[in-house]
Amino acid sequence: MQPGGYIKDMRRRDLELNKGWGQIATPLSLETSGGIQKLNCANAEGIFRIIQSVPSPKAEPFKLIFTLSFVVAIIFFKSHL
């Protein structure tokens, strides 16, 4: 499976994801073993949005774990401001 093709399919199925893709996954130039390459990068909110778009039932446990972790992190940071 090609990751690029999978992402294109997700964006085709989820019009809202496609509309905001430039803000969700920003291409950044990163140094890799093969030289500098542009890779799509996302923050926690962007990753959460991408995970929500995965249509597979196998993704549901990961969605739940990620959501709970995200909520705990928000509570932790708010309590330490």
PDB file of N, CA and C in Angstrom:
ATOM      1  N   MET A   1       0.844  -1.174   0.000  1.00  0.00           N
ATOM      2  CA  MET A   1       0.000   0.000   0.000  1.00  0.00           C
ATOM      3  C   MET A   1       0.892   1.241   0.000  1.00  0.00           C
ATOM      4  N   GLN A   2       0.536   2.197  -0.813  1.00  0.00           N
ATOM      5  CA  GLN A   2       1.271   3.461  -0.875  1.00  0.00           C
ATOM      6  C   GLN A   2       0.601   4.470   0.059  1.00  0.00           C
ATOM      7  N   PRO A   3       1.351   5.032   1.018  1.00  0.00           N
ATOM      8  CA  PRO A   3       0.747   6.000   1.941  1.00  0.00           C
ATOM      9  C   PRO A   3       0.123   7.188   1.219  1.00  0.00           C
ATOM     10  N   GLY A   4       0.782   7.679   0.168  1.00  0.00           N
ATOM     11  CA  GLY A   4       0.246   8.818  -0.577  1.00  0.00           C
ATOM     12  C   GLY A   4      -1.107   8.513  -1.180  1.00  0.00           C
ATOM     13  N   GLY A   5      -1.266   7.314  -1.718  1.00  0.00           N
ATOM     14  CA  GLY A   5      -2.536   6.907  -2.308  1.00  0.00           C
ATOM     15  C   GLY A   5      -3.623   6.777  -1.258  1.00  0.00           C
ATOM     16  N   TYR A   6      -3.263   6.262  -0.077  1.00  0.00           N
ATOM     17  CA  TYR A   6      -4.228   6.110   1.010  1.00  0.00           C
ATOM     18  C   TYR A   6      -4.713   7.479   1.476  1.00  0.00           C
ATOM     19  N   ILE A   7      -3.787   8.422   1.601  1.00  0.00           N
ATOM     20  CA  ILE A   7      -4.164   9.772   2.029  1.00  0.00           C
ATOM     21  C   ILE A   7      -5.049  10.432   0.969  1.00  0.00           C
ATOM     22  N   LYS A   8      -4.721  10.249  -0.296  1.00  0.00           N
ATOM     23  CA  LYS A   8      -5.566  10.809  -1.360  1.00  0.00           C
ATOM     24  C   LYS A   8      -6.975  10.242  -1.284  1.00  0.00           C
ATOM     25  N   ASP A   9      -7.095   8.934  -1.011  1.00  0.00           N
ATOM     26  CA  ASP A   9      -8.418   8.311  -0.878  1.00  0.00           C
ATOM     27  C   ASP A   9      -9.175   8.894   0.314  1.00  0.00           C
ATOM     28  N   MET A  10      -8.469   9.076   1.454  1.00  0.00           N
ATOM     29  CA  MET A  10      -9.108   9.654   2.637  1.00  0.00           C
ATOM     30  C   MET A  10      -9.615  11.062   2.333  1.00  0.00           C
ATOM     31  N   ARG A  11      -8.789  11.844   1.657  1.00  0.00           N
ATOM     32  CA  ARG A  11      -9.182  13.214   1.337  1.00  0.00           C
ATOM     33  C   ARG A  11     -10.350  13.244   0.359  1.00  0.00           C
ATOM     34  N   ARG A  12     -10.415  12.288  -0.539  1.00  0.00           N
ATOM     35  CA  ARG A  12     -11.527  12.216  -1.490  1.00  0.00           C
ATOM     36  C   ARG A  12     -12.834  11.862  -0.769  1.00  0.00           C
ATOM     37  N   ARG A  13     -12.753  10.969   0.217  1.00  0.00           N
ATOM     38  CA  ARG A  13     -13.943  10.553   0.965  1.00  0.00           C
ATOM     39  C   ARG A  13     -14.413  11.622   1.955  1.00  0.00           C
ATOM     40  N   ASP A  14     -13.472  12.368   2.537  1.00  0.00           N
ATOM     41  CA  ASP A  14     -13.794  13.343   3.581  1.00  0.00           C
ATOM     42  C   ASP A  14     -13.511  14.746   3.050  1.00  0.00           C
ATOM     43  N   LEU A  15     -14.548  15.412   2.567  1.00  0.00           N
ATOM     44  CA  LEU A  15     -14.379  16.717   1.931  1.00  0.00           C
ATOM     45  C   LEU A  15     -13.878  17.784   2.908  1.00  0.00           C
ATOM     46  N   GLU A  16     -14.277  17.701   4.172  1.00  0.00           N
ATOM     47  CA  GLU A  16     -13.807  18.660   5.171  1.00  0.00           C
ATOM     48  C   GLU A  16     -12.314  18.479   5.429  1.00  0.00           C
ATOM     49  N   LEU A  17     -11.868  17.253   5.485  1.00  0.00           N
ATOM     50  CA  LEU A  17     -10.436  16.975   5.646  1.00  0.00           C
ATOM     51  C   LEU A  17      -9.675  17.537   4.457  1.00  0.00           C
ATOM     52  N   ASN A  18     -10.194  17.322   3.267  1.00  0.00           N
ATOM     53  CA  ASN A  18      -9.542  17.801   2.057  1.00  0.00           C
ATOM     54  C   ASN A  18      -9.472  19.332   2.030  1.00  0.00           C
ATOM     55  N   LYS A  19     -10.576  19.971   2.453  1.00  0.00           N
ATOM     56  CA  LYS A  19     -10.637  21.429   2.424  1.00  0.00           C
ATOM     57  C   LYS A  19      -9.571  22.058   3.326  1.00  0.00           C
ATOM     58  N   GLY A  20      -9.316  21.461   4.482  1.00  0.00           N
ATOM     59  CA  GLY A  20      -8.358  22.026   5.424  1.00  0.00           C
ATOM     60  C   GLY A  20      -7.002  21.360   5.421  1.00  0.00           C
ATOM     61  N   TRP A  21      -6.717  20.543   4.407  1.00  0.00           N
ATOM     62  CA  TRP A  21      -5.491  19.740   4.407  1.00  0.00           C
ATOM     63  C   TRP A  21      -4.224  20.585   4.557  1.00  0.00           C
ATOM     64  N   GLY A  22      -4.188  21.752   3.934  1.00  0.00           N
ATOM     65  CA  GLY A  22      -2.997  22.605   4.006  1.00  0.00           C
ATOM     66  C   GLY A  22      -2.681  23.075   5.416  1.00  0.00           C
ATOM     67  N   GLN A  23      -3.710  23.221   6.260  1.00  0.00           N
ATOM     68  CA  GLN A  23      -3.501  23.614   7.646  1.00  0.00           C
ATOM     69  C   GLN A  23      -3.296  22.399   8.546  1.00  0.00           C
ATOM     70  N   ILE A  24      -3.805  21.243   8.150  1.00  0.00           N
ATOM     71  CA  ILE A  24      -3.694  20.036   8.968  1.00  0.00           C
ATOM     72  C   ILE A  24      -2.327  19.388   8.812  1.00  0.00           C
ATOM     73  N   ALA A  25      -1.889  19.211   7.584  1.00  0.00           N
ATOM     74  CA  ALA A  25      -0.598  18.560   7.312  1.00  0.00           C
ATOM     75  C   ALA A  25       0.248  19.497   6.457  1.00  0.00           C
ATOM     76  N   THR A  26       1.233  20.083   7.086  1.00  0.00           N
ATOM     77  CA  THR A  26       2.096  21.043   6.404  1.00  0.00           C
ATOM     78  C   THR A  26       3.362  20.354   5.915  1.00  0.00           C
ATOM     79  N   PRO A  27       3.709  20.509   4.636  1.00  0.00           N
ATOM     80  CA  PRO A  27       4.961  19.914   4.158  1.00  0.00           C
ATOM     81  C   PRO A  27       6.167  20.698   4.685  1.00  0.00           C
ATOM     82  N   LEU A  28       7.065  20.007   5.354  1.00  0.00           N
ATOM     83  CA  LEU A  28       8.288  20.615   5.871  1.00  0.00           C
ATOM     84  C   LEU A  28       9.489  19.894   5.285  1.00  0.00           C
ATOM     85  N   SER A  29      10.557  20.638   5.020  1.00  0.00           N
ATOM     86  CA  SER A  29      11.803  20.043   4.533  1.00  0.00           C
ATOM     87  C   SER A  29      12.564  19.481   5.718  1.00  0.00           C
ATOM     88  N   LEU A  30      12.784  18.176   5.711  1.00  0.00           N
ATOM     89  CA  LEU A  30      13.484  17.515   6.806  1.00  0.00           C
ATOM     90  C   LEU A  30      14.670  16.719   6.276  1.00  0.00           C
ATOM     91  N   GLU A  31      15.731  16.692   7.068  1.00  0.00           N
ATOM     92  CA  GLU A  31      16.919  15.920   6.712  1.00  0.00           C
ATOM     93  C   GLU A  31      16.641  14.438   6.987  1.00  0.00           C
ATOM     94  N   THR A  32      16.844  13.608   5.979  1.00  0.00           N
ATOM     95  CA  THR A  32      16.687  12.166   6.128  1.00  0.00           C
ATOM     96  C   THR A  32      17.965  11.486   5.662  1.00  0.00           C
ATOM     97  N   SER A  33      18.046  10.188   5.825  1.00  0.00           N
ATOM     98  CA  SER A  33      19.226   9.463   5.360  1.00  0.00           C
ATOM     99  C   SER A  33      19.377   9.566   3.841  1.00  0.00           C
ATOM    100  N   GLY A  34      18.292   9.859   3.151  1.00  0.00           N
ATOM    101  CA  GLY A  34      18.336  10.029   1.694  1.00  0.00           C
ATOM    102  C   GLY A  34      18.490  11.479   1.266  1.00  0.00           C
ATOM    103  N   GLY A  35      18.795  12.362   2.213  1.00  0.00           N
ATOM    104  CA  GLY A  35      18.914  13.788   1.915  1.00  0.00           C
ATOM    105  C   GLY A  35      17.683  14.539   2.394  1.00  0.00           C
ATOM    106  N   ILE A  36      17.602  15.795   2.036  1.00  0.00           N
ATOM    107  CA  ILE A  36      16.464  16.618   2.450  1.00  0.00           C
ATOM    108  C   ILE A  36      15.239  16.229   1.620  1.00  0.00           C
ATOM    109  N   GLN A  37      14.139  15.980   2.343  1.00  0.00           N
ATOM    110  CA  GLN A  37      12.887  15.618   1.684  1.00  0.00           C
ATOM    111  C   GLN A  37      11.745  16.393   2.318  1.00  0.00           C
ATOM    112  N   LYS A  38      10.731  16.690   1.510  1.00  0.00           N
ATOM    113  CA  LYS A  38       9.529  17.332   2.045  1.00  0.00           C
ATOM    114  C   LYS A  38       8.609  16.242   2.577  1.00  0.00           C
ATOM    115  N   LEU A  39       8.266  16.367   3.855  1.00  0.00           N
ATOM    116  CA  LEU A  39       7.382  15.402   4.501  1.00  0.00           C
ATOM    117  C   LEU A  39       6.181  16.133   5.088  1.00  0.00           C
ATOM    118  N   ASN A  40       5.017  15.511   5.016  1.00  0.00           N
ATOM    119  CA  ASN A  40       3.838  16.091   5.646  1.00  0.00           C
ATOM    120  C   ASN A  40       3.966  15.949   7.151  1.00  0.00           C
ATOM    121  N   CYS A  41       3.822  17.049   7.872  1.00  0.00           N
ATOM    122  CA  CYS A  41       3.922  17.057   9.332  1.00  0.00           C
ATOM    123  C   CYS A  41       2.638  17.651   9.903  1.00  0.00           C
ATOM    124  N   ALA A  42       2.237  17.178  11.073  1.00  0.00           N
ATOM    125  CA  ALA A  42       1.017  17.676  11.706  1.00  0.00           C
ATOM    126  C   ALA A  42       1.219  17.763  13.207  1.00  0.00           C
ATOM    127  N   ASN A  43       0.489  18.688  13.829  1.00  0.00           N
ATOM    128  CA  ASN A  43       0.495  18.763  15.284  1.00  0.00           C
ATOM    129  C   ASN A  43      -0.522  17.759  15.835  1.00  0.00           C
ATOM    130  N   ALA A  44      -0.680  17.724  17.155  1.00  0.00           N
ATOM    131  CA  ALA A  44      -1.573  16.735  17.778  1.00  0.00           C
ATOM    132  C   ALA A  44      -3.007  16.882  17.282  1.00  0.00           C
ATOM    133  N   GLU A  45      -3.469  18.117  17.140  1.00  0.00           N
ATOM    134  CA  GLU A  45      -4.839  18.334  16.663  1.00  0.00           C
ATOM    135  C   GLU A  45      -5.005  17.826  15.233  1.00  0.00           C
ATOM    136  N   GLY A  46      -3.997  18.077  14.391  1.00  0.00           N
ATOM    137  CA  GLY A  46      -4.043  17.601  13.010  1.00  0.00           C
ATOM    138  C   GLY A  46      -4.034  16.087  12.932  1.00  0.00           C
ATOM    139  N   ILE A  47      -3.185  15.467  13.749  1.00  0.00           N
ATOM    140  CA  ILE A  47      -3.133  13.999  13.774  1.00  0.00           C
ATOM    141  C   ILE A  47      -4.478  13.444  14.226  1.00  0.00           C
ATOM    142  N   PHE A  48      -5.070  14.069  15.227  1.00  0.00           N
ATOM    143  CA  PHE A  48      -6.372  13.638  15.722  1.00  0.00           C
ATOM    144  C   PHE A  48      -7.412  13.719  14.605  1.00  0.00           C
ATOM    145  N   ARG A  49      -7.387  14.796  13.832  1.00  0.00           N
ATOM    146  CA  ARG A  49      -8.335  14.967  12.721  1.00  0.00           C
ATOM    147  C   ARG A  49      -8.136  13.901  11.648  1.00  0.00           C
ATOM    148  N   ILE A  50      -6.876  13.585  11.353  1.00  0.00           N
ATOM    149  CA  ILE A  50      -6.579  12.556  10.354  1.00  0.00           C
ATOM    150  C   ILE A  50      -7.068  11.198  10.842  1.00  0.00           C
ATOM    151  N   ILE A  51      -6.804  10.884  12.101  1.00  0.00           N
ATOM    152  CA  ILE A  51      -7.230   9.597  12.664  1.00  0.00           C
ATOM    153  C   ILE A  51      -8.746   9.479  12.630  1.00  0.00           C
ATOM    154  N   GLN A  52      -9.455  10.572  12.890  1.00  0.00           N
ATOM    155  CA  GLN A  52     -10.921  10.534  12.838  1.00  0.00           C
ATOM    156  C   GLN A  52     -11.424  10.140  11.454  1.00  0.00           C
ATOM    157  N   SER A  53     -10.642  10.431  10.429  1.00  0.00           N
ATOM    158  CA  SER A  53     -11.068  10.151   9.059  1.00  0.00           C
ATOM    159  C   SER A  53     -10.827   8.709   8.631  1.00  0.00           C
ATOM    160  N   VAL A  54     -10.117   7.928   9.438  1.00  0.00           N
ATOM    161  CA  VAL A  54      -9.847   6.530   9.080  1.00  0.00           C
ATOM    162  C   VAL A  54     -11.144   5.742   9.221  1.00  0.00           C
ATOM    163  N   PRO A  55     -11.636   5.139   8.129  1.00  0.00           N
ATOM    164  CA  PRO A  55     -12.934   4.486   8.177  1.00  0.00           C
ATOM    165  C   PRO A  55     -12.922   3.060   8.739  1.00  0.00           C
ATOM    166  N   SER A  56     -11.765   2.510   9.028  1.00  0.00           N
ATOM    167  CA  SER A  56     -11.667   1.113   9.444  1.00  0.00           C
ATOM    168  C   SER A  56     -12.087   0.906  10.902  1.00  0.00           C
ATOM    169  N   PRO A  57     -12.870  -0.154  11.173  1.00  0.00           N
ATOM    170  CA  PRO A  57     -13.212  -0.480  12.558  1.00  0.00           C
ATOM    171  C   PRO A  57     -11.965  -0.819  13.387  1.00  0.00           C
ATOM    172  N   LYS A  58     -10.907  -1.267  12.719  1.00  0.00           N
ATOM    173  CA  LYS A  58      -9.674  -1.589  13.436  1.00  0.00           C
ATOM    174  C   LYS A  58      -9.033  -0.340  14.037  1.00  0.00           C
ATOM    175  N   ALA A  59      -9.386   0.833  13.526  1.00  0.00           N
ATOM    176  CA  ALA A  59      -8.812   2.081  14.030  1.00  0.00           C
ATOM    177  C   ALA A  59      -9.531   2.585  15.280  1.00  0.00           C
ATOM    178  N   GLU A  60     -10.705   2.042  15.586  1.00  0.00           N
ATOM    179  CA  GLU A  60     -11.494   2.545  16.715  1.00  0.00           C
ATOM    180  C   GLU A  60     -10.750   2.488  18.057  1.00  0.00           C
ATOM    181  N   PRO A  61     -10.078   1.383  18.426  1.00  0.00           N
ATOM    182  CA  PRO A  61      -9.348   1.389  19.709  1.00  0.00           C
ATOM    183  C   PRO A  61      -8.255   2.460  19.746  1.00  0.00           C
ATOM    184  N   PHE A  62      -7.562   2.652  18.633  1.00  0.00           N
ATOM    185  CA  PHE A  62      -6.517   3.668  18.585  1.00  0.00           C
ATOM    186  C   PHE A  62      -7.124   5.059  18.714  1.00  0.00           C
ATOM    187  N   LYS A  63      -8.271   5.279  18.073  1.00  0.00           N
ATOM    188  CA  LYS A  63      -8.953   6.569  18.185  1.00  0.00           C
ATOM    189  C   LYS A  63      -9.300   6.857  19.643  1.00  0.00           C
ATOM    190  N   LEU A  64      -9.799   5.858  20.345  1.00  0.00           N
ATOM    191  CA  LEU A  64     -10.180   6.025  21.743  1.00  0.00           C
ATOM    192  C   LEU A  64      -8.959   6.324  22.616  1.00  0.00           C
ATOM    193  N   ILE A  65      -7.893   5.551  22.446  1.00  0.00           N
ATOM    194  CA  ILE A  65      -6.671   5.767  23.229  1.00  0.00           C
ATOM    195  C   ILE A  65      -6.099   7.154  22.962  1.00  0.00           C
ATOM    196  N   PHE A  66      -6.048   7.544  21.705  1.00  0.00           N
ATOM    197  CA  PHE A  66      -5.501   8.847  21.351  1.00  0.00           C
ATOM    198  C   PHE A  66      -6.355   9.964  21.940  1.00  0.00           C
ATOM    199  N   THR A  67      -7.688   9.825  21.867  1.00  0.00           N
ATOM    200  CA  THR A  67      -8.589  10.836  22.412  1.00  0.00           C
ATOM    201  C   THR A  67      -8.387  10.992  23.912  1.00  0.00           C
ATOM    202  N   LEU A  68      -8.317   9.876  24.621  1.00  0.00           N
ATOM    203  CA  LEU A  68      -8.119   9.939  26.070  1.00  0.00           C
ATOM    204  C   LEU A  68      -6.773  10.566  26.420  1.00  0.00           C
ATOM    205  N   SER A  69      -5.738  10.215  25.687  1.00  0.00           N
ATOM    206  CA  SER A  69      -4.417  10.785  25.930  1.00  0.00           C
ATOM    207  C   SER A  69      -4.425  12.294  25.678  1.00  0.00           C
ATOM    208  N   PHE A  70      -5.108  12.702  24.624  1.00  0.00           N
ATOM    209  CA  PHE A  70      -5.188  14.108  24.258  1.00  0.00           C
ATOM    210  C   PHE A  70      -5.916  14.888  25.356  1.00  0.00           C
ATOM    211  N   VAL A  71      -7.012  14.347  25.865  1.00  0.00           N
ATOM    212  CA  VAL A  71      -7.777  15.010  26.922  1.00  0.00           C
ATOM    213  C   VAL A  71      -6.939  15.122  28.194  1.00  0.00           C
ATOM    214  N   VAL A  72      -6.239  14.056  28.567  1.00  0.00           N
ATOM    215  CA  VAL A  72      -5.375  14.082  29.759  1.00  0.00           C
ATOM    216  C   VAL A  72      -4.290  15.142  29.604  1.00  0.00           C
ATOM    217  N   ALA A  73      -3.697  15.232  28.431  1.00  0.00           N
ATOM    218  CA  ALA A  73      -2.648  16.233  28.193  1.00  0.00           C
ATOM    219  C   ALA A  73      -3.205  17.649  28.323  1.00  0.00           C
ATOM    220  N   ILE A  74      -4.385  17.886  27.789  1.00  0.00           N
ATOM    221  CA  ILE A  74      -5.000  19.219  27.884  1.00  0.00           C
ATOM    222  C   ILE A  74      -5.265  19.572  29.341  1.00  0.00           C
ATOM    223  N   ILE A  75      -5.829  18.641  30.097  1.00  0.00           N
ATOM    224  CA  ILE A  75      -6.100  18.886  31.518  1.00  0.00           C
ATOM    225  C   ILE A  75      -4.800  19.160  32.267  1.00  0.00           C
ATOM    226  N   PHE A  76      -3.765  18.386  31.986  1.00  0.00           N
ATOM    227  CA  PHE A  76      -2.476  18.563  32.655  1.00  0.00           C
ATOM    228  C   PHE A  76      -1.908  19.947  32.371  1.00  0.00           C
ATOM    229  N   PHE A  77      -1.884  20.346  31.106  1.00  0.00           N
ATOM    230  CA  PHE A  77      -1.303  21.644  30.757  1.00  0.00           C
ATOM    231  C   PHE A  77      -2.127  22.812  31.298  1.00  0.00           C
ATOM    232  N   LYS A  78      -3.448  22.679  31.292  1.00  0.00           N
ATOM    233  CA  LYS A  78      -4.286  23.748  31.833  1.00  0.00           C
ATOM    234  C   LYS A  78      -4.054  23.910  33.337  1.00  0.00           C
ATOM    235  N   SER A  79      -3.837  22.807  34.028  1.00  0.00           N
ATOM    236  CA  SER A  79      -3.646  22.879  35.477  1.00  0.00           C
ATOM    237  C   SER A  79      -2.262  23.393  35.860  1.00  0.00           C
ATOM    238  N   HIS A  80      -1.336  23.422  34.915  1.00  0.00           N
ATOM    239  CA  HIS A  80       0.025  23.885  35.211  1.00  0.00           C
ATOM    240  C   HIS A  80       0.344  25.249  34.597  1.00  0.00           C
ATOM    241  N   LEU A  81      -0.685  25.966  34.183  1.00  0.00           N
ATOM    242  CA  LEU A  81      -0.447  27.321  33.627  1.00  0.00           C
ATOM    243  C   LEU A  81      -0.455  28.345  34.707  1.00  0.00           C
TER     244      LEU A  81
END
